[in-house]
Amino acid sequence: MFLNIGSNFNIFYEDIIAVIDIENMKAGANKEFIENMRKNKNCVILRGRSRSLIVADKKGKTKIYLSSVSVKTIKKRLIFITAYLKNNIRARNYKK
């Protein structure tokens, strides 16, 4: 399943490593991490004011996404996907 992280941009939910509030990332080593990812072209900046940072592993390569969607909203979407998949797996097991 895919997760919409804003600006009509979707990523595969199993690729997500972390979802972090961008306000916690503005100092020290965290700022360097973001700058290094940008320099190495492993950073995708979506439209709007960045509110969250999503760290994902895409085919063994770490990428970050700066999204205008809040961490709280992304968490709700992930919970919905997880619940859907659990119920879907249970339903398939009952059919056997």
PDB file of N, CA and C in Angstrom:
ATOM      1  N   MET A   1       0.838  -1.180   0.000  1.00  0.00           N
ATOM      2  CA  MET A   1       0.000   0.000   0.000  1.00  0.00           C
ATOM      3  C   MET A   1       0.883   1.244   0.000  1.00  0.00           C
ATOM      4  N   PHE A   2       0.319   2.289  -0.519  1.00  0.00           N
ATOM      5  CA  PHE A   2       1.042   3.548  -0.595  1.00  0.00           C
ATOM      6  C   PHE A   2       0.464   4.544   0.391  1.00  0.00           C
ATOM      7  N   LEU A   3       1.329   5.439   0.856  1.00  0.00           N
ATOM      8  CA  LEU A   3       0.944   6.480   1.803  1.00  0.00           C
ATOM      9  C   LEU A   3       1.124   7.827   1.131  1.00  0.00           C
ATOM     10  N   ASN A   4       0.064   8.638   1.148  1.00  0.00           N
ATOM     11  CA  ASN A   4       0.144   9.984   0.609  1.00  0.00           C
ATOM     12  C   ASN A   4       0.791  10.874   1.661  1.00  0.00           C
ATOM     13  N   ILE A   5       1.896  11.520   1.303  1.00  0.00           N
ATOM     14  CA  ILE A   5       2.586  12.385   2.250  1.00  0.00           C
ATOM     15  C   ILE A   5       2.463  13.866   1.873  1.00  0.00           C
ATOM     16  N   GLY A   6       1.496  14.168   1.035  1.00  0.00           N
ATOM     17  CA  GLY A   6       1.231  15.554   0.646  1.00  0.00           C
ATOM     18  C   GLY A   6       1.590  15.835  -0.791  1.00  0.00           C
ATOM     19  N   SER A   7       1.001  16.903  -1.321  1.00  0.00           N
ATOM     20  CA  SER A   7       1.263  17.353  -2.700  1.00  0.00           C
ATOM     21  C   SER A   7       1.072  16.238  -3.718  1.00  0.00           C
ATOM     22  N   ASN A   8       0.082  15.369  -3.486  1.00  0.00           N
ATOM     23  CA  ASN A   8      -0.201  14.228  -4.360  1.00  0.00           C
ATOM     24  C   ASN A   8       1.016  13.340  -4.575  1.00  0.00           C
ATOM     25  N   PHE A   9       1.837  13.215  -3.547  1.00  0.00           N
ATOM     26  CA  PHE A   9       3.046  12.402  -3.608  1.00  0.00           C
ATOM     27  C   PHE A   9       2.853  11.199  -2.701  1.00  0.00           C
ATOM     28  N   ASN A  10       3.097  10.017  -3.232  1.00  0.00           N
ATOM     29  CA  ASN A  10       2.905   8.769  -2.485  1.00  0.00           C
ATOM     30  C   ASN A  10       4.208   7.994  -2.388  1.00  0.00           C
ATOM     31  N   ILE A  11       4.386   7.341  -1.220  1.00  0.00           N
ATOM     32  CA  ILE A  11       5.520   6.434  -1.062  1.00  0.00           C
ATOM     33  C   ILE A  11       4.993   5.120  -0.502  1.00  0.00           C
ATOM     34  N   PHE A  12       5.709   4.056  -0.776  1.00  0.00           N
ATOM     35  CA  PHE A  12       5.322   2.746  -0.306  1.00  0.00           C
ATOM     36  C   PHE A  12       5.487   2.720   1.212  1.00  0.00           C
ATOM     37  N   TYR A  13       4.448   2.366   1.944  1.00  0.00           N
ATOM     38  CA  TYR A  13       4.470   2.488   3.407  1.00  0.00           C
ATOM     39  C   TYR A  13       5.533   1.599   4.052  1.00  0.00           C
ATOM     40  N   GLU A  14       5.881   0.481   3.430  1.00  0.00           N
ATOM     41  CA  GLU A  14       6.895  -0.402   4.000  1.00  0.00           C
ATOM     42  C   GLU A  14       8.308   0.172   3.886  1.00  0.00           C
ATOM     43  N   ASP A  15       8.497   1.195   3.057  1.00  0.00           N
ATOM     44  CA  ASP A  15       9.801   1.838   2.912  1.00  0.00           C
ATOM     45  C   ASP A  15      10.085   2.828   4.039  1.00  0.00           C
ATOM     46  N   ILE A  16       9.068   3.213   4.809  1.00  0.00           N
ATOM     47  CA  ILE A  16       9.221   4.248   5.831  1.00  0.00           C
ATOM     48  C   ILE A  16      10.008   3.726   7.022  1.00  0.00           C
ATOM     49  N   ILE A  17      11.027   4.483   7.387  1.00  0.00           N
ATOM     50  CA  ILE A  17      11.850   4.166   8.552  1.00  0.00           C
ATOM     51  C   ILE A  17      11.425   5.026   9.740  1.00  0.00           C
ATOM     52  N   ALA A  18      11.214   6.332   9.493  1.00  0.00           N
ATOM     53  CA  ALA A  18      10.869   7.246  10.575  1.00  0.00           C
ATOM     54  C   ALA A  18      10.073   8.424  10.038  1.00  0.00           C
ATOM     55  N   VAL A  19       9.228   8.968  10.906  1.00  0.00           N
ATOM     56  CA  VAL A  19       8.494  10.199  10.618  1.00  0.00           C
ATOM     57  C   VAL A  19       8.792  11.132  11.789  1.00  0.00           C
ATOM     58  N   ILE A  20       9.400  12.282  11.479  1.00  0.00           N
ATOM     59  CA  ILE A  20       9.912  13.170  12.517  1.00  0.00           C
ATOM     60  C   ILE A  20       9.350  14.574  12.337  1.00  0.00           C
ATOM     61  N   ASP A  21       9.012  15.197  13.465  1.00  0.00           N
ATOM     62  CA  ASP A  21       8.560  16.590  13.454  1.00  0.00           C
ATOM     63  C   ASP A  21       9.751  17.463  13.059  1.00  0.00           C
ATOM     64  N   ILE A  22       9.593  18.268  12.032  1.00  0.00           N
ATOM     65  CA  ILE A  22      10.694  19.071  11.493  1.00  0.00           C
ATOM     66  C   ILE A  22      11.201  20.091  12.503  1.00  0.00           C
ATOM     67  N   GLU A  23      10.349  20.524  13.431  1.00  0.00           N
ATOM     68  CA  GLU A  23      10.768  21.485  14.456  1.00  0.00           C
ATOM     69  C   GLU A  23      11.889  20.912  15.323  1.00  0.00           C
ATOM     70  N   ASN A  24      11.938  19.598  15.463  1.00  0.00           N
ATOM     71  CA  ASN A  24      12.976  18.948  16.258  1.00  0.00           C
ATOM     72  C   ASN A  24      14.262  18.731  15.475  1.00  0.00           C
ATOM     73  N   MET A  25      14.284  19.121  14.212  1.00  0.00           N
ATOM     74  CA  MET A  25      15.425  18.829  13.336  1.00  0.00           C
ATOM     75  C   MET A  25      16.223  20.070  12.944  1.00  0.00           C
ATOM     76  N   LYS A  26      15.997  21.198  13.598  1.00  0.00           N
ATOM     77  CA  LYS A  26      16.576  22.448  13.102  1.00  0.00           C
ATOM     78  C   LYS A  26      17.928  22.821  13.688  1.00  0.00           C
ATOM     79  N   ALA A  27      18.533  21.963  14.492  1.00  0.00           N
ATOM     80  CA  ALA A  27      19.804  22.346  15.107  1.00  0.00           C
ATOM     81  C   ALA A  27      20.847  21.239  14.974  1.00  0.00           C
ATOM     82  N   GLY A  28      22.112  21.638  15.041  1.00  0.00           N
ATOM     83  CA  GLY A  28      23.243  20.724  15.131  1.00  0.00           C
ATOM     84  C   GLY A  28      23.340  19.665  14.062  1.00  0.00           C
ATOM     85  N   ALA A  29      23.552  18.428  14.539  1.00  0.00           N
ATOM     86  CA  ALA A  29      23.764  17.291  13.641  1.00  0.00           C
ATOM     87  C   ALA A  29      22.546  17.031  12.764  1.00  0.00           C
ATOM     88  N   ASN A  30      21.355  17.310  13.283  1.00  0.00           N
ATOM     89  CA  ASN A  30      20.140  17.104  12.488  1.00  0.00           C
ATOM     90  C   ASN A  30      20.121  18.005  11.263  1.00  0.00           C
ATOM     91  N   LYS A  31      20.518  19.257  11.457  1.00  0.00           N
ATOM     92  CA  LYS A  31      20.565  20.196  10.342  1.00  0.00           C
ATOM     93  C   LYS A  31      21.606  19.745   9.313  1.00  0.00           C
ATOM     94  N   GLU A  32      22.747  19.265   9.799  1.00  0.00           N
ATOM     95  CA  GLU A  32      23.788  18.754   8.899  1.00  0.00           C
ATOM     96  C   GLU A  32      23.283  17.555   8.102  1.00  0.00           C
ATOM     97  N   PHE A  33      22.531  16.666   8.759  1.00  0.00           N
ATOM     98  CA  PHE A  33      21.972  15.490   8.095  1.00  0.00           C
ATOM     99  C   PHE A  33      21.099  15.920   6.916  1.00  0.00           C
ATOM    100  N   ILE A  34      20.209  16.870   7.153  1.00  0.00           N
ATOM    101  CA  ILE A  34      19.317  17.350   6.084  1.00  0.00           C
ATOM    102  C   ILE A  34      20.127  17.980   4.961  1.00  0.00           C
ATOM    103  N   GLU A  35      21.104  18.812   5.303  1.00  0.00           N
ATOM    104  CA  GLU A  35      21.922  19.470   4.287  1.00  0.00           C
ATOM    105  C   GLU A  35      22.722  18.452   3.463  1.00  0.00           C
ATOM    106  N   ASN A  36      23.273  17.434   4.115  1.00  0.00           N
ATOM    107  CA  ASN A  36      24.013  16.397   3.386  1.00  0.00           C
ATOM    108  C   ASN A  36      23.102  15.622   2.444  1.00  0.00           C
ATOM    109  N   MET A  37      21.898  15.314   2.899  1.00  0.00           N
ATOM    110  CA  MET A  37      20.944  14.607   2.036  1.00  0.00           C
ATOM    111  C   MET A  37      20.576  15.469   0.836  1.00  0.00           C
ATOM    112  N   ARG A  38      20.421  16.773   1.048  1.00  0.00           N
ATOM    113  CA  ARG A  38      20.107  17.684  -0.066  1.00  0.00           C
ATOM    114  C   ARG A  38      21.258  17.736  -1.066  1.00  0.00           C
ATOM    115  N   LYS A  39      22.480  17.852  -0.562  1.00  0.00           N
ATOM    116  CA  LYS A  39      23.659  17.918  -1.439  1.00  0.00           C
ATOM    117  C   LYS A  39      23.803  16.648  -2.269  1.00  0.00           C
ATOM    118  N   ASN A  40      23.497  15.501  -1.666  1.00  0.00           N
ATOM    119  CA  ASN A  40      23.620  14.214  -2.361  1.00  0.00           C
ATOM    120  C   ASN A  40      22.387  13.861  -3.190  1.00  0.00           C
ATOM    121  N   LYS A  41      21.468  14.802  -3.287  1.00  0.00           N
ATOM    122  CA  LYS A  41      20.228  14.628  -4.064  1.00  0.00           C
ATOM    123  C   LYS A  41      19.393  13.450  -3.580  1.00  0.00           C
ATOM    124  N   ASN A  42      19.353  13.262  -2.263  1.00  0.00           N
ATOM    125  CA  ASN A  42      18.527  12.227  -1.640  1.00  0.00           C
ATOM    126  C   ASN A  42      17.405  12.855  -0.831  1.00  0.00           C
ATOM    127  N   CYS A  43      17.037  14.064  -1.208  1.00  0.00           N
ATOM    128  CA  CYS A  43      16.013  14.807  -0.483  1.00  0.00           C
ATOM    129  C   CYS A  43      14.944  15.274  -1.470  1.00  0.00           C
ATOM    130  N   VAL A  44      13.688  15.013  -1.124  1.00  0.00           N
ATOM    131  CA  VAL A  44      12.568  15.467  -1.934  1.00  0.00           C
ATOM    132  C   VAL A  44      11.802  16.479  -1.089  1.00  0.00           C
ATOM    133  N   ILE A  45      11.693  17.696  -1.604  1.00  0.00           N
ATOM    134  CA  ILE A  45      10.983  18.751  -0.874  1.00  0.00           C
ATOM    135  C   ILE A  45       9.635  18.953  -1.548  1.00  0.00           C
ATOM    136  N   LEU A  46       8.582  18.685  -0.791  1.00  0.00           N
ATOM    137  CA  LEU A  46       7.232  18.842  -1.319  1.00  0.00           C
ATOM    138  C   LEU A  46       6.751  20.272  -1.071  1.00  0.00           C
ATOM    139  N   ARG A  47       5.719  20.675  -1.798  1.00  0.00           N
ATOM    140  CA  ARG A  47       5.207  22.039  -1.690  1.00  0.00           C
ATOM    141  C   ARG A  47       4.724  22.365  -0.286  1.00  0.00           C
ATOM    142  N   GLY A  48       4.768  23.654   0.041  1.00  0.00           N
ATOM    143  CA  GLY A  48       4.265  24.126   1.322  1.00  0.00           C
ATOM    144  C   GLY A  48       5.348  24.191   2.377  1.00  0.00           C
ATOM    145  N   ARG A  49       4.976  24.719   3.535  1.00  0.00           N
ATOM    146  CA  ARG A  49       5.896  24.816   4.666  1.00  0.00           C
ATOM    147  C   ARG A  49       6.164  23.417   5.224  1.00  0.00           C
ATOM    148  N   SER A  50       7.415  23.053   5.331  1.00  0.00           N
ATOM    149  CA  SER A  50       7.762  21.711   5.812  1.00  0.00           C
ATOM    150  C   SER A  50       7.394  21.555   7.279  1.00  0.00           C
ATOM    151  N   ARG A  51       6.608  20.510   7.561  1.00  0.00           N
ATOM    152  CA  ARG A  51       6.183  20.230   8.926  1.00  0.00           C
ATOM    153  C   ARG A  51       6.684  18.878   9.411  1.00  0.00           C
ATOM    154  N   SER A  52       7.024  17.996   8.480  1.00  0.00           N
ATOM    155  CA  SER A  52       7.512  16.685   8.876  1.00  0.00           C
ATOM    156  C   SER A  52       8.612  16.223   7.930  1.00  0.00           C
ATOM    157  N   LEU A  53       9.442  15.339   8.459  1.00  0.00           N
ATOM    158  CA  LEU A  53      10.525  14.747   7.695  1.00  0.00           C
ATOM    159  C   LEU A  53      10.300  13.245   7.722  1.00  0.00           C
ATOM    160  N   ILE A  54      10.209  12.648   6.557  1.00  0.00           N
ATOM    161  CA  ILE A  54      10.002  11.209   6.450  1.00  0.00           C
ATOM    162  C   ILE A  54      11.302  10.602   5.934  1.00  0.00           C
ATOM    163  N   VAL A  55      11.844   9.658   6.683  1.00  0.00           N
ATOM    164  CA  VAL A  55      13.048   8.940   6.275  1.00  0.00           C
ATOM    165  C   VAL A  55      12.587   7.608   5.698  1.00  0.00           C
ATOM    166  N   ALA A  56      13.028   7.303   4.498  1.00  0.00           N
ATOM    167  CA  ALA A  56      12.611   6.062   3.836  1.00  0.00           C
ATOM    168  C   ALA A  56      13.810   5.366   3.208  1.00  0.00           C
ATOM    169  N   ASP A  57      13.704   4.056   3.123  1.00  0.00           N
ATOM    170  CA  ASP A  57      14.728   3.236   2.493  1.00  0.00           C
ATOM    171  C   ASP A  57      14.151   2.716   1.183  1.00  0.00           C
ATOM    172  N   LYS A  58      14.632   3.239   0.085  1.00  0.00           N
ATOM    173  CA  LYS A  58      14.136   2.857  -1.231  1.00  0.00           C
ATOM    174  C   LYS A  58      15.215   2.040  -1.934  1.00  0.00           C
ATOM    175  N   LYS A  59      14.990   0.739  -2.011  1.00  0.00           N
ATOM    176  CA  LYS A  59      15.924  -0.176  -2.671  1.00  0.00           C
ATOM    177  C   LYS A  59      17.337  -0.055  -2.111  1.00  0.00           C
ATOM    178  N   GLY A  60      17.451   0.000  -0.785  1.00  0.00           N
ATOM    179  CA  GLY A  60      18.744   0.068  -0.130  1.00  0.00           C
ATOM    180  C   GLY A  60      19.360   1.451  -0.063  1.00  0.00           C
ATOM    181  N   LYS A  61      18.659   2.453  -0.562  1.00  0.00           N
ATOM    182  CA  LYS A  61      19.163   3.822  -0.563  1.00  0.00           C
ATOM    183  C   LYS A  61      18.255   4.682   0.321  1.00  0.00           C
ATOM    184  N   THR A  62      18.851   5.390   1.275  1.00  0.00           N
ATOM    185  CA  THR A  62      18.074   6.235   2.178  1.00  0.00           C
ATOM    186  C   THR A  62      17.718   7.546   1.489  1.00  0.00           C
ATOM    187  N   LYS A  63      16.435   7.906   1.578  1.00  0.00           N
ATOM    188  CA  LYS A  63      15.934   9.179   1.047  1.00  0.00           C
ATOM    189  C   LYS A  63      15.135   9.855   2.132  1.00  0.00           C
ATOM    190  N   ILE A  64      15.096  11.188   2.088  1.00  0.00           N
ATOM    191  CA  ILE A  64      14.232  11.920   3.002  1.00  0.00           C
ATOM    192  C   ILE A  64      13.240  12.744   2.198  1.00  0.00           C
ATOM    193  N   TYR A  65      12.074  12.937   2.798  1.00  0.00           N
ATOM    194  CA  TYR A  65      11.009  13.719   2.184  1.00  0.00           C
ATOM    195  C   TYR A  65      10.587  14.778   3.179  1.00  0.00           C
ATOM    196  N   LEU A  66      10.597  16.044   2.757  1.00  0.00           N
ATOM    197  CA  LEU A  66      10.124  17.135   3.598  1.00  0.00           C
ATOM    198  C   LEU A  66       8.702  17.437   3.167  1.00  0.00           C
ATOM    199  N   SER A  67       7.762  17.213   4.083  1.00  0.00           N
ATOM    200  CA  SER A  67       6.345  17.280   3.759  1.00  0.00           C
ATOM    201  C   SER A  67       5.641  18.363   4.563  1.00  0.00           C
ATOM    202  N   SER A  68       4.596  18.925   3.976  1.00  0.00           N
ATOM    203  CA  SER A  68       3.775  19.920   4.678  1.00  0.00           C
ATOM    204  C   SER A  68       2.698  19.256   5.541  1.00  0.00           C
ATOM    205  N   VAL A  69       2.589  17.943   5.460  1.00  0.00           N
ATOM    206  CA  VAL A  69       1.619  17.194   6.270  1.00  0.00           C
ATOM    207  C   VAL A  69       2.241  16.965   7.650  1.00  0.00           C
ATOM    208  N   SER A  70       1.442  17.168   8.694  1.00  0.00           N
ATOM    209  CA  SER A  70       1.954  17.027  10.054  1.00  0.00           C
ATOM    210  C   SER A  70       2.233  15.566  10.402  1.00  0.00           C
ATOM    211  N   VAL A  71       3.094  15.374  11.393  1.00  0.00           N
ATOM    212  CA  VAL A  71       3.428  14.035  11.874  1.00  0.00           C
ATOM    213  C   VAL A  71       2.165  13.341  12.375  1.00  0.00           C
ATOM    214  N   LYS A  72       1.316  14.084  13.052  1.00  0.00           N
ATOM    215  CA  LYS A  72       0.072  13.524  13.594  1.00  0.00           C
ATOM    216  C   LYS A  72      -0.806  12.945  12.477  1.00  0.00           C
ATOM    217  N   THR A  73      -0.936  13.658  11.386  1.00  0.00           N
ATOM    218  CA  THR A  73      -1.753  13.197  10.259  1.00  0.00           C
ATOM    219  C   THR A  73      -1.119  11.981   9.584  1.00  0.00           C
ATOM    220  N   ILE A  74       0.180  12.010   9.394  1.00  0.00           N
ATOM    221  CA  ILE A  74       0.859  10.863   8.788  1.00  0.00           C
ATOM    222  C   ILE A  74       0.697   9.634   9.675  1.00  0.00           C
ATOM    223  N   LYS A  75       0.804   9.825  10.993  1.00  0.00           N
ATOM    224  CA  LYS A  75       0.625   8.713  11.923  1.00  0.00           C
ATOM    225  C   LYS A  75      -0.777   8.122  11.792  1.00  0.00           C
ATOM    226  N   LYS A  76      -1.801   8.971  11.697  1.00  0.00           N
ATOM    227  CA  LYS A  76      -3.179   8.485  11.530  1.00  0.00           C
ATOM    228  C   LYS A  76      -3.313   7.673  10.247  1.00  0.00           C
ATOM    229  N   ARG A  77      -2.693   8.146   9.186  1.00  0.00           N
ATOM    230  CA  ARG A  77      -2.760   7.429   7.906  1.00  0.00           C
ATOM    231  C   ARG A  77      -2.069   6.077   7.997  1.00  0.00           C
ATOM    232  N   LEU A  78      -0.935   6.019   8.689  1.00  0.00           N
ATOM    233  CA  LEU A  78      -0.220   4.752   8.858  1.00  0.00           C
ATOM    234  C   LEU A  78      -1.029   3.775   9.712  1.00  0.00           C
ATOM    235  N   ILE A  79      -1.678   4.280  10.752  1.00  0.00           N
ATOM    236  CA  ILE A  79      -2.526   3.425  11.592  1.00  0.00           C
ATOM    237  C   ILE A  79      -3.678   2.859  10.767  1.00  0.00           C
ATOM    238  N   PHE A  80      -4.270   3.687   9.913  1.00  0.00           N
ATOM    239  CA  PHE A  80      -5.369   3.240   9.052  1.00  0.00           C
ATOM    240  C   PHE A  80      -4.893   2.132   8.112  1.00  0.00           C
ATOM    241  N   ILE A  81      -3.748   2.329   7.489  1.00  0.00           N
ATOM    242  CA  ILE A  81      -3.199   1.314   6.564  1.00  0.00           C
ATOM    243  C   ILE A  81      -2.923   0.012   7.302  1.00  0.00           C
ATOM    244  N   THR A  82      -2.286   0.120   8.468  1.00  0.00           N
ATOM    245  CA  THR A  82      -1.960  -1.071   9.259  1.00  0.00           C
ATOM    246  C   THR A  82      -3.218  -1.834   9.645  1.00  0.00           C
ATOM    247  N   ALA A  83      -4.244  -1.119  10.114  1.00  0.00           N
ATOM    248  CA  ALA A  83      -5.508  -1.762  10.495  1.00  0.00           C
ATOM    249  C   ALA A  83      -6.159  -2.418   9.286  1.00  0.00           C
ATOM    250  N   TYR A  84      -6.147  -1.746   8.158  1.00  0.00           N
ATOM    251  CA  TYR A  84      -6.730  -2.299   6.935  1.00  0.00           C
ATOM    252  C   TYR A  84      -6.031  -3.598   6.544  1.00  0.00           C
ATOM    253  N   LEU A  85      -4.701  -3.567   6.556  1.00  0.00           N
ATOM    254  CA  LEU A  85      -3.948  -4.754   6.157  1.00  0.00           C
ATOM    255  C   LEU A  85      -4.160  -5.907   7.127  1.00  0.00           C
ATOM    256  N   LYS A  86      -4.221  -5.621   8.425  1.00  0.00           N
ATOM    257  CA  LYS A  86      -4.486  -6.681   9.408  1.00  0.00           C
ATOM    258  C   LYS A  86      -5.837  -7.318   9.158  1.00  0.00           C
ATOM    259  N   ASN A  87      -6.867  -6.501   8.952  1.00  0.00           N
ATOM    260  CA  ASN A  87      -8.208  -7.024   8.698  1.00  0.00           C
ATOM    261  C   ASN A  87      -8.278  -7.784   7.390  1.00  0.00           C
ATOM    262  N   ASN A  88      -7.590  -7.308   6.388  1.00  0.00           N
ATOM    263  CA  ASN A  88      -7.582  -7.955   5.084  1.00  0.00           C
ATOM    264  C   ASN A  88      -6.900  -9.318   5.176  1.00  0.00           C
ATOM    265  N   ILE A  89      -5.809  -9.402   5.923  1.00  0.00           N
ATOM    266  CA  ILE A  89      -5.102 -10.676   6.095  1.00  0.00           C
ATOM    267  C   ILE A  89      -5.987 -11.650   6.861  1.00  0.00           C
ATOM    268  N   ARG A  90      -6.657 -11.155   7.914  1.00  0.00           N
ATOM    269  CA  ARG A  90      -7.576 -12.021   8.673  1.00  0.00           C
ATOM    270  C   ARG A  90      -8.684 -12.532   7.784  1.00  0.00           C
ATOM    271  N   ALA A  91      -9.241 -11.681   6.955  1.00  0.00           N
ATOM    272  CA  ALA A  91     -10.330 -12.075   6.061  1.00  0.00           C
ATOM    273  C   ALA A  91      -9.868 -13.158   5.088  1.00  0.00           C
ATOM    274  N   ARG A  92      -8.663 -13.006   4.561  1.00  0.00           N
ATOM    275  CA  ARG A  92      -8.134 -14.009   3.641  1.00  0.00           C
ATOM    276  C   ARG A  92      -7.911 -15.349   4.336  1.00  0.00           C
ATOM    277  N   ASN A  93      -7.472 -15.313   5.596  1.00  0.00           N
ATOM    278  CA  ASN A  93      -7.233 -16.544   6.344  1.00  0.00           C
ATOM    279  C   ASN A  93      -8.537 -17.290   6.625  1.00  0.00           C
ATOM    280  N   TYR A  94      -9.638 -16.572   6.825  1.00  0.00           N
ATOM    281  CA  TYR A  94     -10.916 -17.210   7.085  1.00  0.00           C
ATOM    282  C   TYR A  94     -11.449 -17.911   5.838  1.00  0.00           C
ATOM    283  N   LYS A  95     -11.101 -17.430   4.672  1.00  0.00           N
ATOM    284  CA  LYS A  95     -11.606 -18.024   3.421  1.00  0.00           C
ATOM    285  C   LYS A  95     -10.966 -19.381   3.141  1.00  0.00           C
ATOM    286  N   LYS A  96      -9.845 -19.675   3.746  1.00  0.00           N
ATOM    287  CA  LYS A  96      -9.131 -20.933   3.452  1.00  0.00           C
ATOM    288  C   LYS A  96      -9.851 -22.131   3.999  1.00  0.00           C
TER     289      LYS A  96
END
